[in-house]
N, C-alpha and C. Protein backbone atom coordinates (compact mmCIF):
# COMPACT_ATOMS: atom_id res chain seq x y z
N UNK A 1 0.74 -11.10 9.56
CA UNK A 1 1.91 -11.18 8.73
C UNK A 1 1.56 -10.67 7.33
N UNK A 2 2.45 -9.93 6.73
CA UNK A 2 2.27 -9.33 5.41
C UNK A 2 2.79 -10.27 4.35
N UNK A 3 1.94 -10.63 3.40
CA UNK A 3 2.37 -11.46 2.28
C UNK A 3 1.84 -10.88 0.99
N UNK A 4 2.52 -11.19 -0.09
CA UNK A 4 2.08 -10.77 -1.41
C UNK A 4 1.97 -12.00 -2.31
N UNK A 5 1.00 -11.93 -3.21
CA UNK A 5 0.85 -12.98 -4.21
C UNK A 5 0.80 -12.31 -5.57
N UNK A 6 1.67 -12.74 -6.47
CA UNK A 6 1.67 -12.14 -7.80
C UNK A 6 0.44 -12.60 -8.58
N UNK A 7 -0.17 -11.66 -9.28
CA UNK A 7 -1.32 -11.93 -10.12
C UNK A 7 -0.85 -11.85 -11.56
N UNK A 8 -0.96 -12.93 -12.29
CA UNK A 8 -0.34 -13.05 -13.61
C UNK A 8 -1.18 -12.51 -14.76
N UNK A 9 -2.50 -12.51 -14.61
CA UNK A 9 -3.37 -12.17 -15.73
C UNK A 9 -4.37 -11.09 -15.34
N UNK A 10 -4.96 -10.48 -16.36
CA UNK A 10 -6.03 -9.51 -16.12
C UNK A 10 -7.18 -10.15 -15.36
N UNK A 11 -7.56 -11.34 -15.77
CA UNK A 11 -8.65 -12.04 -15.09
C UNK A 11 -8.31 -12.36 -13.64
N UNK A 12 -7.04 -12.70 -13.37
CA UNK A 12 -6.62 -12.95 -12.00
C UNK A 12 -6.75 -11.70 -11.14
N UNK A 13 -6.42 -10.56 -11.71
CA UNK A 13 -6.56 -9.29 -10.99
C UNK A 13 -8.03 -9.02 -10.70
N UNK A 14 -8.87 -9.19 -11.71
CA UNK A 14 -10.30 -8.92 -11.53
C UNK A 14 -10.93 -9.86 -10.51
N UNK A 15 -10.50 -11.13 -10.51
CA UNK A 15 -11.00 -12.08 -9.49
C UNK A 15 -10.58 -11.64 -8.09
N UNK A 16 -9.32 -11.20 -7.97
CA UNK A 16 -8.83 -10.74 -6.67
C UNK A 16 -9.63 -9.52 -6.19
N UNK A 17 -9.93 -8.61 -7.10
CA UNK A 17 -10.68 -7.41 -6.72
C UNK A 17 -12.11 -7.76 -6.31
N UNK A 18 -12.69 -8.76 -6.93
CA UNK A 18 -14.06 -9.15 -6.61
C UNK A 18 -14.18 -9.69 -5.19
N UNK A 19 -13.09 -10.21 -4.65
CA UNK A 19 -13.14 -10.82 -3.31
C UNK A 19 -12.29 -10.05 -2.29
N UNK A 20 -11.97 -8.82 -2.60
CA UNK A 20 -11.09 -8.01 -1.74
C UNK A 20 -11.72 -7.77 -0.37
N UNK A 21 -10.94 -8.00 0.67
CA UNK A 21 -11.36 -7.71 2.04
C UNK A 21 -10.85 -6.33 2.45
N UNK A 22 -11.35 -5.79 3.56
CA UNK A 22 -10.97 -4.44 3.98
C UNK A 22 -9.49 -4.31 4.32
N UNK A 23 -8.83 -5.37 4.72
CA UNK A 23 -7.41 -5.28 5.08
C UNK A 23 -6.50 -5.76 3.96
N UNK A 24 -7.03 -5.87 2.75
CA UNK A 24 -6.25 -6.31 1.60
C UNK A 24 -6.21 -5.21 0.54
N UNK A 25 -5.36 -5.42 -0.45
CA UNK A 25 -5.29 -4.50 -1.58
C UNK A 25 -4.61 -5.16 -2.75
N UNK A 26 -4.64 -4.46 -3.88
CA UNK A 26 -3.95 -4.90 -5.09
C UNK A 26 -3.07 -3.75 -5.55
N UNK A 27 -1.83 -4.08 -5.90
CA UNK A 27 -0.89 -3.09 -6.44
C UNK A 27 -0.56 -3.50 -7.87
N UNK A 28 -0.67 -2.56 -8.79
CA UNK A 28 -0.36 -2.81 -10.19
C UNK A 28 0.72 -1.84 -10.63
N UNK A 29 1.74 -2.35 -11.28
CA UNK A 29 2.78 -1.52 -11.88
C UNK A 29 2.49 -1.51 -13.37
N UNK A 30 2.21 -0.32 -13.93
CA UNK A 30 1.83 -0.23 -15.34
C UNK A 30 2.12 1.17 -15.87
N UNK A 31 1.87 1.36 -17.15
CA UNK A 31 1.96 2.69 -17.74
C UNK A 31 0.58 3.32 -17.69
N UNK A 32 0.54 4.59 -17.33
CA UNK A 32 -0.71 5.34 -17.26
C UNK A 32 -0.46 6.72 -17.83
N UNK A 33 -1.18 7.06 -18.85
CA UNK A 33 -1.05 8.38 -19.47
C UNK A 33 0.40 8.67 -19.87
N UNK A 34 1.08 7.62 -20.38
CA UNK A 34 2.45 7.77 -20.85
C UNK A 34 3.51 7.78 -19.77
N UNK A 35 3.14 7.49 -18.51
CA UNK A 35 4.08 7.49 -17.39
C UNK A 35 4.08 6.14 -16.73
N UNK A 36 5.23 5.74 -16.19
CA UNK A 36 5.30 4.53 -15.38
C UNK A 36 4.67 4.84 -14.03
N UNK A 37 3.72 4.01 -13.63
CA UNK A 37 2.94 4.31 -12.43
C UNK A 37 2.70 3.07 -11.57
N UNK A 38 2.32 3.36 -10.33
CA UNK A 38 1.78 2.36 -9.42
C UNK A 38 0.29 2.66 -9.27
N UNK A 39 -0.52 1.62 -9.30
CA UNK A 39 -1.94 1.75 -9.05
C UNK A 39 -2.25 0.90 -7.83
N UNK A 40 -2.87 1.51 -6.84
CA UNK A 40 -3.26 0.80 -5.62
C UNK A 40 -4.78 0.77 -5.56
N UNK A 41 -5.34 -0.43 -5.32
CA UNK A 41 -6.77 -0.57 -5.19
C UNK A 41 -7.06 -1.17 -3.83
N UNK A 42 -7.91 -0.49 -3.07
CA UNK A 42 -8.30 -0.96 -1.75
C UNK A 42 -9.82 -0.89 -1.64
N UNK A 43 -10.33 -1.49 -0.58
CA UNK A 43 -11.78 -1.47 -0.32
C UNK A 43 -11.98 -1.16 1.16
N UNK A 44 -11.80 0.13 1.54
CA UNK A 44 -11.87 0.48 2.96
C UNK A 44 -13.27 0.37 3.55
N UNK A 45 -14.29 0.36 2.71
CA UNK A 45 -15.68 0.20 3.18
C UNK A 45 -16.42 -0.57 2.10
N UNK A 46 -17.62 -0.17 1.78
CA UNK A 46 -18.37 -0.88 0.74
C UNK A 46 -17.96 -0.45 -0.66
N UNK A 47 -17.17 0.60 -0.80
CA UNK A 47 -16.73 1.06 -2.11
C UNK A 47 -15.24 0.76 -2.31
N UNK A 48 -14.79 0.85 -3.55
CA UNK A 48 -13.40 0.62 -3.92
C UNK A 48 -12.72 1.96 -4.14
N UNK A 49 -11.45 2.06 -3.77
CA UNK A 49 -10.66 3.26 -4.02
C UNK A 49 -9.47 2.88 -4.89
N UNK A 50 -9.31 3.59 -6.00
CA UNK A 50 -8.22 3.37 -6.93
C UNK A 50 -7.36 4.62 -6.92
N UNK A 51 -6.08 4.47 -6.58
CA UNK A 51 -5.15 5.59 -6.52
C UNK A 51 -3.97 5.31 -7.44
N UNK A 52 -3.65 6.30 -8.27
CA UNK A 52 -2.56 6.18 -9.23
C UNK A 52 -1.45 7.14 -8.81
N UNK A 53 -0.21 6.61 -8.73
CA UNK A 53 0.96 7.40 -8.37
C UNK A 53 2.03 7.22 -9.43
N UNK A 54 2.72 8.31 -9.76
CA UNK A 54 3.88 8.18 -10.64
C UNK A 54 4.93 7.35 -9.95
N UNK A 55 5.69 6.60 -10.72
CA UNK A 55 6.79 5.81 -10.17
C UNK A 55 8.03 6.68 -10.20
N UNK A 56 8.62 6.91 -9.04
CA UNK A 56 9.79 7.78 -8.95
C UNK A 56 11.04 7.05 -9.44
N UNK A 57 12.13 7.77 -9.54
CA UNK A 57 13.38 7.20 -10.07
C UNK A 57 13.93 6.07 -9.20
N UNK A 58 13.56 6.05 -7.91
CA UNK A 58 14.02 4.96 -7.03
C UNK A 58 12.96 3.86 -6.87
N UNK A 59 12.02 3.81 -7.85
CA UNK A 59 10.98 2.78 -7.89
C UNK A 59 10.04 2.78 -6.69
N UNK A 60 9.80 3.94 -6.12
CA UNK A 60 8.82 4.09 -5.06
C UNK A 60 7.70 4.99 -5.56
N UNK A 61 6.53 4.94 -4.92
CA UNK A 61 5.46 5.84 -5.35
C UNK A 61 5.86 7.30 -5.17
N UNK A 62 5.60 8.08 -6.19
CA UNK A 62 5.91 9.51 -6.17
C UNK A 62 4.62 10.32 -6.07
N UNK A 63 4.49 11.30 -6.94
CA UNK A 63 3.34 12.19 -6.92
C UNK A 63 2.06 11.44 -7.28
N UNK A 64 0.99 11.78 -6.58
CA UNK A 64 -0.31 11.18 -6.90
C UNK A 64 -0.83 11.80 -8.19
N UNK A 65 -1.30 10.95 -9.09
CA UNK A 65 -1.81 11.38 -10.38
C UNK A 65 -3.34 11.47 -10.33
N UNK A 66 -3.95 10.49 -9.69
CA UNK A 66 -5.41 10.42 -9.69
C UNK A 66 -5.89 9.53 -8.56
N UNK A 67 -7.05 9.85 -8.01
CA UNK A 67 -7.73 8.98 -7.07
C UNK A 67 -9.20 8.95 -7.46
N UNK A 68 -9.76 7.75 -7.52
CA UNK A 68 -11.16 7.58 -7.89
C UNK A 68 -11.82 6.61 -6.93
N UNK A 69 -13.11 6.80 -6.71
CA UNK A 69 -13.88 5.90 -5.87
C UNK A 69 -14.97 5.27 -6.72
N UNK A 70 -15.16 3.96 -6.55
CA UNK A 70 -16.15 3.21 -7.31
C UNK A 70 -17.09 2.52 -6.34
N UNK A 71 -18.37 2.68 -6.54
CA UNK A 71 -19.34 2.09 -5.62
C UNK A 71 -19.67 0.64 -5.97
N UNK A 72 -19.34 0.23 -7.21
CA UNK A 72 -19.63 -1.15 -7.60
C UNK A 72 -18.39 -1.80 -8.21
N UNK A 73 -18.35 -3.10 -8.15
CA UNK A 73 -17.29 -3.86 -8.78
C UNK A 73 -17.30 -3.66 -10.29
N UNK A 74 -18.48 -3.55 -10.88
CA UNK A 74 -18.60 -3.37 -12.33
C UNK A 74 -17.91 -2.09 -12.79
N UNK A 75 -18.12 -0.99 -12.05
CA UNK A 75 -17.46 0.28 -12.40
C UNK A 75 -15.95 0.15 -12.30
N UNK A 76 -15.48 -0.46 -11.21
CA UNK A 76 -14.05 -0.67 -11.03
C UNK A 76 -13.48 -1.55 -12.13
N UNK A 77 -14.19 -2.59 -12.48
CA UNK A 77 -13.74 -3.52 -13.51
C UNK A 77 -13.52 -2.80 -14.85
N UNK A 78 -14.43 -1.91 -15.23
CA UNK A 78 -14.27 -1.14 -16.46
C UNK A 78 -13.02 -0.28 -16.42
N UNK A 79 -12.80 0.39 -15.30
CA UNK A 79 -11.62 1.25 -15.15
C UNK A 79 -10.34 0.41 -15.21
N UNK A 80 -10.33 -0.75 -14.57
CA UNK A 80 -9.15 -1.59 -14.56
C UNK A 80 -8.83 -2.13 -15.95
N UNK A 81 -9.83 -2.48 -16.71
CA UNK A 81 -9.59 -2.99 -18.07
C UNK A 81 -8.88 -1.95 -18.92
N UNK A 82 -9.18 -0.67 -18.73
CA UNK A 82 -8.48 0.40 -19.45
C UNK A 82 -7.03 0.49 -18.99
N UNK A 83 -6.78 0.32 -17.70
CA UNK A 83 -5.42 0.42 -17.17
C UNK A 83 -4.54 -0.76 -17.58
N UNK A 84 -5.14 -1.90 -17.81
CA UNK A 84 -4.38 -3.13 -18.04
C UNK A 84 -4.18 -3.45 -19.52
N UNK A 85 -4.28 -2.48 -20.38
CA UNK A 85 -4.13 -2.72 -21.82
C UNK A 85 -2.71 -3.07 -22.22
N UNK A 86 -1.72 -2.53 -21.54
CA UNK A 86 -0.33 -2.79 -21.88
C UNK A 86 0.28 -3.80 -20.92
N UNK A 87 1.61 -3.77 -20.83
CA UNK A 87 2.31 -4.64 -19.89
C UNK A 87 2.04 -4.18 -18.46
N UNK A 88 1.99 -5.15 -17.56
CA UNK A 88 1.80 -4.82 -16.14
C UNK A 88 2.37 -5.93 -15.28
N UNK A 89 2.60 -5.58 -14.03
CA UNK A 89 2.90 -6.56 -12.96
C UNK A 89 1.93 -6.23 -11.85
N UNK A 90 1.35 -7.25 -11.24
CA UNK A 90 0.33 -7.00 -10.22
C UNK A 90 0.53 -7.96 -9.04
N UNK A 91 0.15 -7.47 -7.88
CA UNK A 91 0.31 -8.23 -6.64
C UNK A 91 -0.88 -7.98 -5.73
N UNK A 92 -1.35 -9.04 -5.08
CA UNK A 92 -2.37 -8.91 -4.03
C UNK A 92 -1.63 -8.92 -2.71
N UNK A 93 -2.00 -8.03 -1.84
CA UNK A 93 -1.35 -7.98 -0.51
C UNK A 93 -2.38 -7.92 0.58
C-alpha cells in the first residue's frame, strides 16, 4: 500500500533520508534556480539519486532540470541543505 508522510522540517527530511529503504523516497516541492520544482530522492542501491524537475502548470513534474548521484549520506545532506534554504513542502513515500 502506498502512503505518504509529510516532513515538516529540514531535520525531519535529513532523518528520513538517512534511513531511506530501496522502495522508499522523499519528494520535496521547492524553488530551485528561480523555478518552482519537484525534487525526488531515492536510494535504488547503495547510493542516493536526486532528481530535480520543473513543476508544470498543472502541478505535475515537467522537464528534468538535473539528476545527481551521491555515494554518501554526507554528500547528499550538503546538497539538500542548499535546496532547503527557502520555503518547501516535503513528503516521505
